[in-house]
């Protein structure tokens, strides 16, 4: 197993996994591949959490769901993922009020093969770290963030970074959408 996290500039690996997209009987599951967003010419934001039925994870998942339209407005597709099975995902969605109406798929990496290939599989527990990948429409990783198992991430920071990447310009520290980029400032001089 590699401890090396897949990094910026690398092609996101090919995969085909089951995902939960609904809690409606008979419509719960679909297959998702690495082409899920790229085929539509969109960016992908794939975020991983360690385990279903835990405490920090649903706070992040619910926040990504609240901000779903912000990602859609940026031509980005959200995919949530963990190493739990699609059946555990479906049960958790039915059980947890904040997860019932998710607007994005919950990918099941039951074999742990994708998490391992991404370098985000905890060596001892064999669960995924809290990792976020922003992947451009060509399937290239443009941003990676990996957190300790106990610390939740900032969804607003993911959106800010996506905005910055989509400018294709130089963006200074703490830059936010609508502010001048360094590239536009240099062009004025």
C-alpha atoms as a PDB file:
ATOM      1  CA  UNK A   1       0.000   0.000   0.000  1.00  0.00           C
ATOM      2  CA  UNK A   2       1.247   3.459  -0.893  1.00  0.00           C
ATOM      3  CA  UNK A   3       1.376   6.261   1.657  1.00  0.00           C
ATOM      4  CA  UNK A   4       1.795   8.743  -1.175  1.00  0.00           C
ATOM      5  CA  UNK A   5      -1.324  10.853  -1.753  1.00  0.00           C
ATOM      6  CA  UNK A   6      -2.228  11.363  -5.416  1.00  0.00           C
ATOM      7  CA  UNK A   7      -1.217  14.922  -6.070  1.00  0.00           C
ATOM      8  CA  UNK A   8      -1.731  17.914  -8.281  1.00  0.00           C
ATOM      9  CA  UNK A   9      -1.134  17.377 -11.989  1.00  0.00           C
ATOM     10  CA  UNK A  10      -1.901  13.654 -11.901  1.00  0.00           C
ATOM     11  CA  UNK A  11      -4.776  12.085 -13.770  1.00  0.00           C
ATOM     12  CA  UNK A  12      -7.496  10.946 -11.402  1.00  0.00           C
ATOM     13  CA  UNK A  13      -7.595   7.129 -11.549  1.00  0.00           C
ATOM     14  CA  UNK A  14     -10.194   5.247 -13.551  1.00  0.00           C
ATOM     15  CA  UNK A  15     -12.842   3.623 -11.381  1.00  0.00           C
ATOM     16  CA  UNK A  16     -16.323   2.137 -11.437  1.00  0.00           C
ATOM     17  CA  UNK A  17     -18.164   2.016  -8.101  1.00  0.00           C
ATOM     18  CA  UNK A  18     -21.691   1.739  -6.736  1.00  0.00           C
ATOM     19  CA  UNK A  19     -23.199   4.889  -5.279  1.00  0.00           C
ATOM     20  CA  UNK A  20     -26.338   5.776  -3.378  1.00  0.00           C
ATOM     21  CA  UNK A  21     -28.380   8.515  -5.036  1.00  0.00           C
ATOM     22  CA  UNK A  22     -31.788   8.069  -3.406  1.00  0.00           C
ATOM     23  CA  UNK A  23     -33.595   6.465  -0.492  1.00  0.00           C
ATOM     24  CA  UNK A  24     -36.586   5.653  -2.711  1.00  0.00           C
ATOM     25  CA  UNK A  25     -37.087   1.878  -2.981  1.00  0.00           C
ATOM     26  CA  UNK A  26     -35.727   0.555  -6.283  1.00  0.00           C
ATOM     27  CA  UNK A  27     -33.934   3.815  -7.148  1.00  0.00           C
ATOM     28  CA  UNK A  28     -31.213   3.792  -4.505  1.00  0.00           C
ATOM     29  CA  UNK A  29     -28.120   2.811  -6.481  1.00  0.00           C
ATOM     30  CA  UNK A  30     -26.240   3.709  -9.657  1.00  0.00           C
ATOM     31  CA  UNK A  31     -22.787   2.924 -11.008  1.00  0.00           C
ATOM     32  CA  UNK A  32     -20.397   5.866 -11.132  1.00  0.00           C
ATOM     33  CA  UNK A  33     -17.147   6.053 -13.057  1.00  0.00           C
ATOM     34  CA  UNK A  34     -14.373   8.614 -13.215  1.00  0.00           C
ATOM     35  CA  UNK A  35     -16.176   9.982 -16.300  1.00  0.00           C
ATOM     36  CA  UNK A  36     -19.257  10.953 -14.248  1.00  0.00           C
ATOM     37  CA  UNK A  37     -18.535  14.703 -14.407  1.00  0.00           C
ATOM     38  CA  UNK A  38     -15.886  14.906 -17.125  1.00  0.00           C
ATOM     39  CA  UNK A  39     -18.308  13.515 -19.712  1.00  0.00           C
ATOM     40  CA  UNK A  40     -20.440  16.603 -19.075  1.00  0.00           C
ATOM     41  CA  UNK A  41     -17.432  18.935 -19.321  1.00  0.00           C
ATOM     42  CA  UNK A  42     -17.670  19.695 -15.607  1.00  0.00           C
ATOM     43  CA  UNK A  43     -15.297  19.875 -12.675  1.00  0.00           C
ATOM     44  CA  UNK A  44     -15.480  17.193  -9.983  1.00  0.00           C
ATOM     45  CA  UNK A  45     -15.231  17.757  -6.257  1.00  0.00           C
ATOM     46  CA  UNK A  46     -14.824  14.381  -4.572  1.00  0.00           C
ATOM     47  CA  UNK A  47     -14.730  14.419  -0.800  1.00  0.00           C
ATOM     48  CA  UNK A  48     -14.058  11.429   1.448  1.00  0.00           C
ATOM     49  CA  UNK A  49     -14.997  10.729   5.044  1.00  0.00           C
ATOM     50  CA  UNK A  50     -13.798   7.909   7.319  1.00  0.00           C
ATOM     51  CA  UNK A  51     -16.957   6.080   8.420  1.00  0.00           C
ATOM     52  CA  UNK A  52     -20.723   6.241   8.183  1.00  0.00           C
ATOM     53  CA  UNK A  53     -22.736   6.442  11.417  1.00  0.00           C
ATOM     54  CA  UNK A  54     -20.147   8.663  13.100  1.00  0.00           C
ATOM     55  CA  UNK A  55     -20.197  12.189  14.524  1.00  0.00           C
ATOM     56  CA  UNK A  56     -18.021  14.593  12.505  1.00  0.00           C
ATOM     57  CA  UNK A  57     -18.804  13.067   9.102  1.00  0.00           C
ATOM     58  CA  UNK A  58     -22.510  14.009   8.885  1.00  0.00           C
ATOM     59  CA  UNK A  59     -21.689  17.641   9.722  1.00  0.00           C
ATOM     60  CA  UNK A  60     -19.455  17.823   6.646  1.00  0.00           C
ATOM     61  CA  UNK A  61     -21.811  15.908   4.380  1.00  0.00           C
ATOM     62  CA  UNK A  62     -24.749  18.102   5.421  1.00  0.00           C
ATOM     63  CA  UNK A  63     -22.689  21.256   4.804  1.00  0.00           C
ATOM     64  CA  UNK A  64     -21.658  20.075   1.318  1.00  0.00           C
ATOM     65  CA  UNK A  65     -25.352  19.424   0.663  1.00  0.00           C
ATOM     66  CA  UNK A  66     -26.327  22.950   1.853  1.00  0.00           C
ATOM     67  CA  UNK A  67     -23.725  24.367  -0.553  1.00  0.00           C
ATOM     68  CA  UNK A  68     -24.653  22.038  -3.434  1.00  0.00           C
ATOM     69  CA  UNK A  69     -26.081  24.862  -5.577  1.00  0.00           C
ATOM     70  CA  UNK A  70     -22.807  26.790  -5.143  1.00  0.00           C
ATOM     71  CA  UNK A  71     -20.978  23.877  -6.770  1.00  0.00           C
ATOM     72  CA  UNK A  72     -23.603  23.531  -9.514  1.00  0.00           C
ATOM     73  CA  UNK A  73     -23.267  27.274 -10.243  1.00  0.00           C
ATOM     74  CA  UNK A  74     -19.552  26.628 -10.780  1.00  0.00           C
ATOM     75  CA  UNK A  75     -20.089  23.726 -13.207  1.00  0.00           C
ATOM     76  CA  UNK A  76     -18.850  21.275 -10.594  1.00  0.00           C
ATOM     77  CA  UNK A  77     -20.248  17.885  -9.669  1.00  0.00           C
ATOM     78  CA  UNK A  78     -20.044  16.765  -6.033  1.00  0.00           C
ATOM     79  CA  UNK A  79     -19.332  13.148  -5.136  1.00  0.00           C
ATOM     80  CA  UNK A  80     -19.101  12.040  -1.514  1.00  0.00           C
ATOM     81  CA  UNK A  81     -17.243   8.823  -0.727  1.00  0.00           C
ATOM     82  CA  UNK A  82     -16.131   6.432   1.977  1.00  0.00           C
ATOM     83  CA  UNK A  83     -15.036   2.829   2.254  1.00  0.00           C
ATOM     84  CA  UNK A  84     -18.435   1.769   3.602  1.00  0.00           C
ATOM     85  CA  UNK A  85     -20.770  -0.213   1.341  1.00  0.00           C
ATOM     86  CA  UNK A  86     -23.653   1.215  -0.646  1.00  0.00           C
ATOM     87  CA  UNK A  87     -26.025  -0.609   1.721  1.00  0.00           C
ATOM     88  CA  UNK A  88     -24.496   1.113   4.755  1.00  0.00           C
ATOM     89  CA  UNK A  89     -24.711   4.470   2.932  1.00  0.00           C
ATOM     90  CA  UNK A  90     -28.387   3.857   2.153  1.00  0.00           C
ATOM     91  CA  UNK A  91     -29.145   2.859   5.749  1.00  0.00           C
ATOM     92  CA  UNK A  92     -27.341   5.934   7.082  1.00  0.00           C
ATOM     93  CA  UNK A  93     -29.253   8.215   4.709  1.00  0.00           C
ATOM     94  CA  UNK A  94     -32.557   6.711   5.858  1.00  0.00           C
ATOM     95  CA  UNK A  95     -31.505   6.936   9.517  1.00  0.00           C
ATOM     96  CA  UNK A  96     -30.010  10.466   9.665  1.00  0.00           C
ATOM     97  CA  UNK A  97     -32.346  13.417   9.050  1.00  0.00           C
ATOM     98  CA  UNK A  98     -29.547  15.632   7.652  1.00  0.00           C
ATOM     99  CA  UNK A  99     -28.650  13.026   5.006  1.00  0.00           C
ATOM    100  CA  UNK A 100     -32.078  12.000   3.646  1.00  0.00           C
ATOM    101  CA  UNK A 101     -32.263  14.619   0.906  1.00  0.00           C
ATOM    102  CA  UNK A 102     -28.707  14.646  -0.399  1.00  0.00           C
ATOM    103  CA  UNK A 103     -28.318  16.115  -3.869  1.00  0.00           C
ATOM    104  CA  UNK A 104     -25.113  14.228  -4.685  1.00  0.00           C
ATOM    105  CA  UNK A 105     -24.102  10.555  -4.782  1.00  0.00           C
ATOM    106  CA  UNK A 106     -22.462   8.716  -1.897  1.00  0.00           C
ATOM    107  CA  UNK A 107     -19.833   6.509  -3.520  1.00  0.00           C
ATOM    108  CA  UNK A 108     -19.061   3.132  -1.920  1.00  0.00           C
ATOM    109  CA  UNK A 109     -15.418   2.089  -2.147  1.00  0.00           C
ATOM    110  CA  UNK A 110     -16.064  -1.217  -0.404  1.00  0.00           C
ATOM    111  CA  UNK A 111     -12.936  -2.834  -1.834  1.00  0.00           C
ATOM    112  CA  UNK A 112     -10.929   0.188  -0.627  1.00  0.00           C
ATOM    113  CA  UNK A 113      -9.114   0.073  -3.974  1.00  0.00           C
ATOM    114  CA  UNK A 114      -9.779   3.685  -4.946  1.00  0.00           C
ATOM    115  CA  UNK A 115      -8.892   5.057  -1.496  1.00  0.00           C
ATOM    116  CA  UNK A 116      -5.689   3.031  -1.616  1.00  0.00           C
ATOM    117  CA  UNK A 117      -4.830   4.242  -5.126  1.00  0.00           C
ATOM    118  CA  UNK A 118      -5.445   7.830  -3.989  1.00  0.00           C
ATOM    119  CA  UNK A 119      -3.110   7.287  -1.016  1.00  0.00           C
ATOM    120  CA  UNK A 120      -5.772   8.241   1.555  1.00  0.00           C
ATOM    121  CA  UNK A 121      -6.314   4.868   3.256  1.00  0.00           C
ATOM    122  CA  UNK A 122      -5.357   4.855   6.933  1.00  0.00           C
ATOM    123  CA  UNK A 123      -2.796   2.069   7.367  1.00  0.00           C
ATOM    124  CA  UNK A 124      -4.164   0.786  10.669  1.00  0.00           C
ATOM    125  CA  UNK A 125      -7.933   1.142  10.427  1.00  0.00           C
ATOM    126  CA  UNK A 126      -8.175   0.730   6.625  1.00  0.00           C
ATOM    127  CA  UNK A 127     -10.596   3.655   6.355  1.00  0.00           C
ATOM    128  CA  UNK A 128     -10.269   6.787   4.240  1.00  0.00           C
ATOM    129  CA  UNK A 129      -8.900  10.014   5.634  1.00  0.00           C
ATOM    130  CA  UNK A 130     -10.960  13.188   5.252  1.00  0.00           C
ATOM    131  CA  UNK A 131      -9.685  14.030   1.796  1.00  0.00           C
ATOM    132  CA  UNK A 132     -10.947  16.391  -0.876  1.00  0.00           C
ATOM    133  CA  UNK A 133      -9.948  16.336  -4.533  1.00  0.00           C
ATOM    134  CA  UNK A 134     -10.806  19.016  -7.079  1.00  0.00           C
ATOM    135  CA  UNK A 135     -10.528  17.516 -10.551  1.00  0.00           C
ATOM    136  CA  UNK A 136     -10.764  19.575 -13.735  1.00  0.00           C
ATOM    137  CA  UNK A 137     -12.943  18.579 -16.721  1.00  0.00           C
ATOM    138  CA  UNK A 138      -9.932  16.836 -18.311  1.00  0.00           C
ATOM    139  CA  UNK A 139      -9.642  14.506 -15.302  1.00  0.00           C
ATOM    140  CA  UNK A 140      -6.536  16.147 -13.818  1.00  0.00           C
ATOM    141  CA  UNK A 141      -6.214  16.686 -10.065  1.00  0.00           C
ATOM    142  CA  UNK A 142      -5.910  20.418  -9.408  1.00  0.00           C
ATOM    143  CA  UNK A 143      -6.207  20.513  -5.595  1.00  0.00           C
ATOM    144  CA  UNK A 144      -5.895  18.007  -2.757  1.00  0.00           C
ATOM    145  CA  UNK A 145      -6.609  18.472   0.913  1.00  0.00           C
ATOM    146  CA  UNK A 146      -6.240  15.739   3.546  1.00  0.00           C
ATOM    147  CA  UNK A 147      -7.325  16.104   7.159  1.00  0.00           C
ATOM    148  CA  UNK A 148      -6.811  14.017  10.261  1.00  0.00           C
ATOM    149  CA  UNK A 149      -9.677  11.648  11.046  1.00  0.00           C
ATOM    150  CA  UNK A 150     -10.980  13.836  13.895  1.00  0.00           C
ATOM    151  CA  UNK A 151     -11.060  17.231  12.172  1.00  0.00           C
ATOM    152  CA  UNK A 152     -13.827  18.440   9.864  1.00  0.00           C
ATOM    153  CA  UNK A 153     -13.000  20.490   6.803  1.00  0.00           C
ATOM    154  CA  UNK A 154     -14.243  23.892   5.649  1.00  0.00           C
ATOM    155  CA  UNK A 155     -16.643  23.558   2.720  1.00  0.00           C
ATOM    156  CA  UNK A 156     -16.361  27.303   2.109  1.00  0.00           C
ATOM    157  CA  UNK A 157     -12.603  26.888   1.577  1.00  0.00           C
ATOM    158  CA  UNK A 158     -13.254  24.174  -1.022  1.00  0.00           C
ATOM    159  CA  UNK A 159     -15.548  26.604  -2.871  1.00  0.00           C
ATOM    160  CA  UNK A 160     -12.969  29.406  -2.610  1.00  0.00           C
ATOM    161  CA  UNK A 161     -10.239  27.188  -4.071  1.00  0.00           C
ATOM    162  CA  UNK A 162     -12.551  26.009  -6.865  1.00  0.00           C
ATOM    163  CA  UNK A 163     -13.296  29.658  -7.695  1.00  0.00           C
ATOM    164  CA  UNK A 164      -9.589  30.453  -7.770  1.00  0.00           C
ATOM    165  CA  UNK A 165      -8.736  27.470  -9.967  1.00  0.00           C
ATOM    166  CA  UNK A 166     -11.476  28.384 -12.408  1.00  0.00           C
ATOM    167  CA  UNK A 167     -10.051  31.885 -12.931  1.00  0.00           C
ATOM    168  CA  UNK A 168      -6.898  30.302 -14.393  1.00  0.00           C
ATOM    169  CA  UNK A 169      -5.107  33.366 -12.993  1.00  0.00           C
ATOM    170  CA  UNK A 170      -2.786  34.150 -10.090  1.00  0.00           C
ATOM    171  CA  UNK A 171      -4.866  34.504  -6.918  1.00  0.00           C
ATOM    172  CA  UNK A 172      -3.302  35.995  -3.768  1.00  0.00           C
ATOM    173  CA  UNK A 173      -3.686  34.759  -0.202  1.00  0.00           C
ATOM    174  CA  UNK A 174      -7.293  34.896   1.050  1.00  0.00           C
ATOM    175  CA  UNK A 175      -8.547  35.832  -2.413  1.00  0.00           C
ATOM    176  CA  UNK A 176     -12.313  35.509  -2.860  1.00  0.00           C
ATOM    177  CA  UNK A 177     -14.454  35.443  -5.973  1.00  0.00           C
ATOM    178  CA  UNK A 178     -15.085  38.938  -7.284  1.00  0.00           C
ATOM    179  CA  UNK A 179     -11.773  40.336  -6.049  1.00  0.00           C
ATOM    180  CA  UNK A 180      -8.973  41.291  -8.385  1.00  0.00           C
ATOM    181  CA  UNK A 181      -6.485  38.586  -9.221  1.00  0.00           C
ATOM    182  CA  UNK A 182      -2.784  39.299  -9.381  1.00  0.00           C
ATOM    183  CA  UNK A 183      -2.888  38.569 -13.097  1.00  0.00           C
ATOM    184  CA  UNK A 184      -5.421  41.360 -13.698  1.00  0.00           C
ATOM    185  CA  UNK A 185      -3.412  43.727 -11.457  1.00  0.00           C
ATOM    186  CA  UNK A 186      -0.229  42.986 -13.418  1.00  0.00           C
ATOM    187  CA  UNK A 187      -2.055  43.621 -16.696  1.00  0.00           C
ATOM    188  CA  UNK A 188      -3.041  47.095 -15.493  1.00  0.00           C
ATOM    189  CA  UNK A 189       0.563  48.110 -14.743  1.00  0.00           C
END
